[in-house]
Each structure stands twice: as structure tokens, then as C-alpha cells.
Amino acid sequence: MRRLHGITAYITGGSSGIGYAIAAELIRAGARVALLARSEERLVEAEKRLVATGGQVAVTHLSLDVSDREAAERALPGLVDQFGGPDLLVNCHGVTGVYYFSDTSHDDLMRLLSINIGGVWNTIQLLLPELEKRHATIVNVASVAGFVGVLGYSAYSASKFGLIGLSEVLRNELKPRGIRVCVLCPPDTDTPMFRAENVTKPFETKIMSETLPVKSAEYVARAFLRGLKGRKFLIVPGFMGRLTLFVKGVAPRLLFGIVDNDLRKAQKKMARTSGQGESRV
């Protein structure tokens, strides 16, 4: 998708964080944008901020939990009637949960799978006739944690690895129908979700991530647009994320060795800090 001016984009999770930053970039490029998220209050505020950017801004919003299949079946046709079908569908909604595996409940896992994968499944399946009619592009937002597993991210990585797998299948299945599918894999990004992670993140995970730069949502959104225009399947913002993907592909033992070494260092620091000897993992 090289031309963005005049296209219609639907962005789930568009009221804040990366979703909002992508919406702002698309508005600046001349796109028409529909924001979808659960909170009506946040959506109204986000729409006001986008409209305040000036110019010929066409933006609307829809309060919807996309993981609720029945609600999505009722609401999405109305959005299509009101605003037109999407040329670009960005599935940027998601929830997180970063705990030790032993502290992660089955309900936690099901919640993340339902929202992070089920919500994407719903939007694509329900909008498929419109997407095919418009030869649209679908972008599913996963994570660097969708191709490399790190302590604490058991449920989150399960959902994001699964999302990349689903996207690979759809890339093949929908290409003959004129639909392009790609995946955005952001690194740690300064968003409300990332800040929520830090409240429950295991000690070792915090230590292991200290050396990695935290990107802004605006940085990720600009990288997203470059990848979109460059027709990439995997869009990975930031050098370290791309390096990690490359090393895992050509020398996975090397990557696992680096991760293991970082974990040992983190465990030693945890033992010194707690004064309780060996850590629990």
C-alpha cells in the first residue's frame, strides 16, 4: 500500500498508545480513520485530538469489544454503512499480563487468547467481504515477544506467537483474493499497556529489559508506515528487534545462549537484592 491519501482505515485499539499514534500518522497522510476501542470516553477524547490537528480530517469512532463476537456482528455492519468499508484494517487492540508461569491462571491465559487472537479473528472474518471488495491490507499488531519468548510472558507470548502464525496462514489464504496481510512487531513501547506490565513484571524480566531502549508510540507508528509502503510482511521497528529476529532465524542457539546468560545475571542480582539465595526459577 503505497498511497495513503483518501483511503479508509479501521484501527482497533485506536484510542491510545500505538493505535492512536498510527491513526495520527494516517490522518497526516490524508487517510480517513475509524477508531475502535472499548471505552467510549477515551474514544471521544481521541477523536477530538485528531480533529484538532486541522485540515480535512475525516474521523469517526465505534465503542466495541472486538472479542465479543455477537457485539461485533451487530456493530461492524453499521460502521461500514456509515463510514465505508476499510482499505486498511489495523488490529492494534490487545491486553497484557506478565507474571511467572506458576502465577498465571488458566483464566488469565484464556482472557489474553480471547482478546489478542479472538478479537483479530472476529474483525477479519466479519469484515472479509468488504476487505476482498476493496483489495484491502490487514495489519495485525503482535510484538517482539511474538517471535522470542522471555521469562514472565508465558500467556502474552502464547497469544502473540499465535497471532503471527494466524497472520502467516492468512497471508497465504487471502492473497489470491487480493488481500495483503502483514504483522507489526513492536519492541517495548511507552504505552499505557507497557506501564501496566511494569507493575507485575517479575524481577528478572525487569533486569533483562533494562538494557533495551523503550521506543515511543510515535516512533513505532512511523516505522509502521515505512513498512506498509515497503510491502513487508514482518514490520519490526528498531535495530535490536530486527537483530533479534535475524539471529533467531540463522543462529537460534546463539540467541538462546544470550538470553540464558542475561537470565543468570538477573538471577544473581535478584539473589543479592533479596538476600534469600537462589531465585525461584
Protein backbone atom coordinates (compact mmCIF):
# COMPACT_ATOMS: atom_id res chain seq x y z
CA MET A 1 0.00 0.00 0.00
CA ARG A 2 1.97 2.96 -1.29
CA ARG A 3 -0.84 5.54 -1.45
CA LEU A 4 -2.50 6.51 1.81
CA HIS A 5 -4.31 9.70 0.83
CA GLY A 6 -8.04 9.10 0.70
CA ILE A 7 -8.02 5.53 1.98
CA THR A 8 -10.36 4.40 4.76
CA ALA A 9 -8.63 2.81 7.75
CA TYR A 10 -10.16 0.97 10.70
CA ILE A 11 -7.91 0.84 13.77
CA THR A 12 -8.85 -1.31 16.74
CA GLY A 13 -7.27 -0.20 20.00
CA GLY A 14 -7.16 3.22 18.39
CA SER A 15 -7.96 5.38 21.41
CA SER A 16 -4.45 5.29 22.92
CA GLY A 17 -0.89 4.03 22.58
CA ILE A 18 0.37 2.65 19.29
CA GLY A 19 -3.13 2.53 17.78
CA TYR A 20 -3.67 6.23 18.37
CA ALA A 21 -0.18 7.10 17.07
CA ILE A 22 -0.87 5.13 13.88
CA ALA A 23 -4.19 6.96 13.49
CA ALA A 24 -2.42 10.31 13.80
CA GLU A 25 0.15 9.34 11.16
CA LEU A 26 -2.56 8.15 8.79
CA ILE A 27 -4.55 11.35 9.30
CA ARG A 28 -1.46 13.38 8.43
CA ALA A 29 -1.10 11.28 5.27
CA GLY A 30 -4.67 12.15 4.27
CA ALA A 31 -6.46 8.95 5.29
CA ARG A 32 -9.96 8.66 6.70
CA VAL A 33 -9.83 6.90 10.08
CA ALA A 34 -12.32 4.97 12.20
CA LEU A 35 -11.17 4.31 15.77
CA LEU A 36 -12.47 1.20 17.55
CA ALA A 37 -11.96 0.52 21.26
CA ARG A 38 -13.95 -0.38 24.35
CA SER A 39 -14.02 2.95 26.19
CA GLU A 40 -16.43 5.50 24.73
CA GLU A 41 -14.88 8.24 26.87
CA ARG A 42 -11.35 7.60 25.58
CA LEU A 43 -12.59 7.32 22.02
CA VAL A 44 -14.34 10.69 22.18
CA GLU A 45 -11.20 12.32 23.57
CA ALA A 46 -9.01 10.65 20.92
CA GLU A 47 -11.32 11.78 18.12
CA LYS A 48 -11.26 15.35 19.44
CA ARG A 49 -7.46 15.37 19.47
CA LEU A 50 -7.26 14.04 15.92
CA VAL A 51 -9.80 16.56 14.63
CA ALA A 52 -7.82 19.32 16.34
CA THR A 53 -4.86 18.54 14.09
CA GLY A 54 -6.69 20.52 11.42
CA GLY A 55 -7.02 20.01 7.69
CA GLN A 56 -9.68 17.92 6.01
CA VAL A 57 -9.82 15.34 8.78
CA ALA A 58 -12.38 12.54 8.43
CA VAL A 59 -12.52 10.53 11.64
CA THR A 60 -15.17 8.60 13.50
CA HIS A 61 -15.24 6.09 16.34
CA LEU A 62 -17.04 2.97 17.48
CA SER A 63 -17.16 1.70 21.06
CA LEU A 64 -16.78 -2.07 20.72
CA ASP A 65 -15.12 -5.01 22.44
CA VAL A 66 -13.99 -6.85 19.32
CA SER A 67 -13.50 -10.08 21.28
CA ASP A 68 -17.29 -10.16 21.82
CA ARG A 69 -18.43 -11.94 18.67
CA GLU A 70 -22.12 -11.10 18.99
CA ALA A 71 -21.43 -7.43 19.70
CA ALA A 72 -19.06 -7.26 16.72
CA GLU A 73 -21.65 -8.90 14.45
CA ARG A 74 -24.16 -6.22 15.46
CA ALA A 75 -21.88 -3.19 15.31
CA LEU A 76 -19.49 -3.60 12.38
CA PRO A 77 -22.11 -3.54 9.58
CA GLY A 78 -23.32 -0.18 10.87
CA LEU A 79 -19.80 1.23 10.77
CA VAL A 80 -19.42 0.05 7.17
CA ASP A 81 -22.73 1.67 6.23
CA GLN A 82 -21.82 4.93 7.94
CA PHE A 83 -18.14 5.30 7.05
CA GLY A 84 -17.50 2.88 4.20
CA GLY A 85 -15.55 -0.36 4.21
CA PRO A 86 -11.86 -0.42 5.12
CA ASP A 87 -8.96 -0.26 2.68
CA LEU A 88 -6.73 -0.81 5.69
CA LEU A 89 -7.59 -2.78 8.83
CA VAL A 90 -5.13 -2.38 11.72
CA ASN A 91 -5.77 -4.80 14.57
CA CYS A 92 -3.95 -2.95 17.34
CA HIS A 93 -6.12 -3.87 20.33
CA GLY A 94 -4.67 -6.11 22.99
CA VAL A 95 -4.14 -6.82 26.66
CA THR A 96 -1.10 -8.00 28.55
CA GLY A 97 -0.24 -9.97 31.64
CA VAL A 98 3.34 -10.50 32.75
CA TYR A 99 3.74 -12.94 35.65
CA TYR A 100 5.68 -16.07 36.49
CA PHE A 101 4.12 -19.03 34.70
CA SER A 102 3.19 -20.60 38.06
CA ASP A 103 1.28 -17.42 38.97
CA THR A 104 -0.57 -17.17 35.64
CA SER A 105 -4.05 -18.64 35.93
CA HIS A 106 -5.88 -20.51 33.21
CA ASP A 107 -8.39 -17.65 33.19
CA ASP A 108 -5.53 -15.22 32.51
CA LEU A 109 -4.46 -17.32 29.52
CA MET A 110 -7.99 -17.59 28.13
CA ARG A 111 -8.54 -13.84 28.50
CA LEU A 112 -5.39 -13.00 26.53
CA LEU A 113 -6.13 -15.55 23.83
CA SER A 114 -9.73 -14.36 23.52
CA ILE A 115 -8.77 -10.71 23.11
CA ASN A 116 -5.38 -10.84 21.39
CA ILE A 117 -6.29 -13.58 18.91
CA GLY A 118 -10.07 -13.91 19.09
CA GLY A 119 -10.65 -10.20 18.55
CA VAL A 120 -8.46 -10.25 15.45
CA TRP A 121 -10.26 -13.34 14.18
CA ASN A 122 -13.60 -11.55 14.59
CA THR A 123 -12.72 -8.31 12.81
CA ILE A 124 -11.11 -10.06 9.85
CA GLN A 125 -13.82 -12.67 9.43
CA LEU A 126 -16.71 -10.25 9.80
CA LEU A 127 -15.18 -7.63 7.51
CA LEU A 128 -13.87 -10.13 4.96
CA PRO A 129 -16.42 -9.33 2.19
CA GLU A 130 -15.51 -5.63 2.41
CA LEU A 131 -11.79 -6.35 2.62
CA GLU A 132 -11.98 -8.51 -0.50
CA LYS A 133 -14.11 -5.98 -2.37
CA ARG A 134 -11.55 -3.25 -1.70
CA HIS A 135 -8.38 -5.37 -2.11
CA ALA A 136 -7.52 -4.22 1.37
CA THR A 137 -4.48 -4.57 3.61
CA ILE A 138 -4.66 -6.15 7.07
CA VAL A 139 -2.05 -5.35 9.69
CA ASN A 140 -2.06 -7.41 12.88
CA VAL A 141 -0.07 -5.91 15.74
CA ALA A 142 1.92 -8.60 17.55
CA SER A 143 5.19 -7.96 19.40
CA VAL A 144 8.87 -8.85 19.56
CA ALA A 145 7.52 -11.20 22.25
CA GLY A 146 5.68 -12.90 19.39
CA PHE A 147 8.89 -14.38 17.99
CA VAL A 148 11.13 -14.63 21.06
CA GLY A 149 9.95 -15.90 24.44
CA VAL A 150 11.09 -14.18 27.63
CA LEU A 151 10.50 -15.15 31.25
CA GLY A 152 7.22 -13.72 32.52
CA TYR A 153 5.47 -13.54 29.16
CA SER A 154 4.03 -17.06 29.01
CA ALA A 155 0.40 -16.12 28.28
CA TYR A 156 1.23 -12.94 26.36
CA SER A 157 3.80 -14.65 24.12
CA ALA A 158 1.43 -17.57 23.56
CA SER A 159 -1.12 -15.11 22.20
CA LYS A 160 1.36 -13.14 20.09
CA PHE A 161 3.19 -16.18 18.70
CA GLY A 162 -0.27 -17.45 17.78
CA LEU A 163 -1.16 -14.15 16.14
CA ILE A 164 1.92 -14.31 13.92
CA GLY A 165 1.02 -17.89 13.00
CA LEU A 166 -2.53 -16.87 12.14
CA SER A 167 -1.19 -13.99 10.06
CA GLU A 168 1.13 -16.31 8.11
CA VAL A 169 -1.82 -18.56 7.28
CA LEU A 170 -3.98 -15.63 6.22
CA ARG A 171 -1.15 -14.17 4.15
CA ASN A 172 -1.27 -17.30 2.00
CA GLU A 173 -5.02 -17.87 2.07
CA LEU A 174 -6.15 -14.32 1.38
CA LYS A 175 -3.51 -13.28 -1.16
CA PRO A 176 -5.41 -14.89 -4.08
CA ARG A 177 -8.43 -12.85 -3.01
CA GLY A 178 -6.48 -9.61 -3.37
CA ILE A 179 -5.94 -9.04 0.37
CA ARG A 180 -2.49 -8.33 1.77
CA VAL A 181 -1.66 -9.38 5.34
CA CYS A 182 1.30 -8.21 7.40
CA VAL A 183 2.37 -8.08 11.04
CA LEU A 184 3.78 -5.23 13.13
CA CYS A 185 6.09 -6.44 15.93
CA PRO A 186 6.93 -3.51 18.22
CA PRO A 187 9.63 -3.70 20.90
CA ASP A 188 8.99 -2.31 24.40
CA THR A 189 6.99 0.84 23.72
CA ASP A 190 5.95 3.61 26.10
CA THR A 191 2.20 2.99 26.20
CA PRO A 192 -0.41 2.56 28.96
CA MET A 193 -0.18 -1.22 28.46
CA PHE A 194 3.59 -1.24 28.88
CA ARG A 195 3.34 0.82 32.06
CA ALA A 196 0.74 -1.65 33.40
CA GLU A 197 3.15 -4.52 32.70
CA ASN A 198 5.78 -2.98 34.93
CA VAL A 199 3.51 -3.29 37.96
CA THR A 200 3.52 -7.12 37.88
CA LYS A 201 6.66 -7.86 35.84
CA PRO A 202 8.96 -10.42 37.54
CA PHE A 203 12.23 -9.06 38.92
CA GLU A 204 14.36 -10.96 36.39
CA THR A 205 12.28 -9.65 33.48
CA LYS A 206 12.79 -6.07 34.61
CA ILE A 207 16.55 -6.57 34.90
CA MET A 208 16.80 -8.30 31.50
CA SER A 209 14.93 -5.47 29.78
CA GLU A 210 16.93 -2.64 31.36
CA THR A 211 19.49 -2.54 28.55
CA LEU A 212 16.84 -2.39 25.82
CA PRO A 213 15.62 1.03 24.65
CA VAL A 214 11.94 1.82 25.13
CA LYS A 215 10.52 3.32 21.95
CA SER A 216 7.79 5.93 21.71
CA ALA A 217 4.45 5.08 20.14
CA GLU A 218 5.16 7.74 17.52
CA TYR A 219 8.44 6.01 16.57
CA VAL A 220 6.60 2.71 16.10
CA ALA A 221 3.86 4.38 14.05
CA ARG A 222 6.38 5.96 11.67
CA ALA A 223 8.15 2.60 11.27
CA PHE A 224 4.75 1.05 10.59
CA LEU A 225 4.10 3.44 7.71
CA ARG A 226 7.53 2.78 6.19
CA GLY A 227 6.96 -0.96 6.38
CA LEU A 228 3.48 -0.61 4.94
CA LYS A 229 4.78 1.29 1.93
CA GLY A 230 7.68 -1.15 1.57
CA ARG A 231 5.29 -4.11 1.38
CA LYS A 232 6.97 -6.04 4.17
CA PHE A 233 5.24 -8.96 5.88
CA LEU A 234 7.03 -8.60 9.23
CA ILE A 235 7.49 -4.97 10.25
CA VAL A 236 9.93 -4.82 13.19
CA PRO A 237 10.72 -1.27 14.40
CA GLY A 238 14.16 -0.71 15.90
CA PHE A 239 17.58 -2.21 15.26
CA MET A 240 17.58 -4.55 18.29
CA GLY A 241 14.25 -6.11 17.32
CA ARG A 242 15.40 -6.73 13.75
CA LEU A 243 18.72 -8.11 15.01
CA THR A 244 16.92 -10.48 17.38
CA LEU A 245 14.72 -11.75 14.57
CA PHE A 246 17.74 -12.25 12.30
CA VAL A 247 19.81 -14.10 14.92
CA LYS A 248 16.91 -16.37 15.83
CA GLY A 249 16.50 -17.24 12.17
CA VAL A 250 20.15 -18.02 11.39
CA ALA A 251 21.61 -18.98 14.77
CA PRO A 252 18.90 -19.78 17.34
CA ARG A 253 21.38 -21.43 19.74
CA LEU A 254 23.30 -18.17 19.89
CA LEU A 255 20.14 -16.23 20.77
CA PHE A 256 19.14 -18.76 23.44
CA GLY A 257 22.65 -18.58 24.88
CA ILE A 258 22.45 -14.79 25.13
CA VAL A 259 19.04 -14.99 26.81
CA ASP A 260 20.27 -17.68 29.23
CA ASN A 261 23.30 -15.58 30.12
CA ASP A 262 21.16 -12.49 30.72
CA LEU A 263 18.83 -14.57 32.91
CA ARG A 264 21.71 -15.90 35.04
CA LYS A 265 22.92 -12.34 35.61
CA ALA A 266 19.42 -11.24 36.57
CA GLN A 267 19.02 -14.15 38.98
CA LYS A 268 22.31 -13.33 40.67
CA LYS A 269 21.22 -9.72 41.09
CA MET A 270 17.88 -10.90 42.45
CA ALA A 271 19.66 -13.14 44.98
CA ARG A 272 21.89 -10.28 46.13
CA THR A 273 18.93 -7.92 46.37
CA SER A 274 16.67 -10.30 48.26
CA GLY A 275 19.37 -11.89 50.40
CA GLN A 276 17.49 -15.15 50.09
CA GLY A 277 19.92 -17.16 48.00
CA GLU A 278 18.81 -18.72 44.73
CA SER A 279 15.81 -17.35 42.87
CA ARG A 280 12.66 -19.33 42.28
CA VAL A 281 13.31 -20.17 38.61
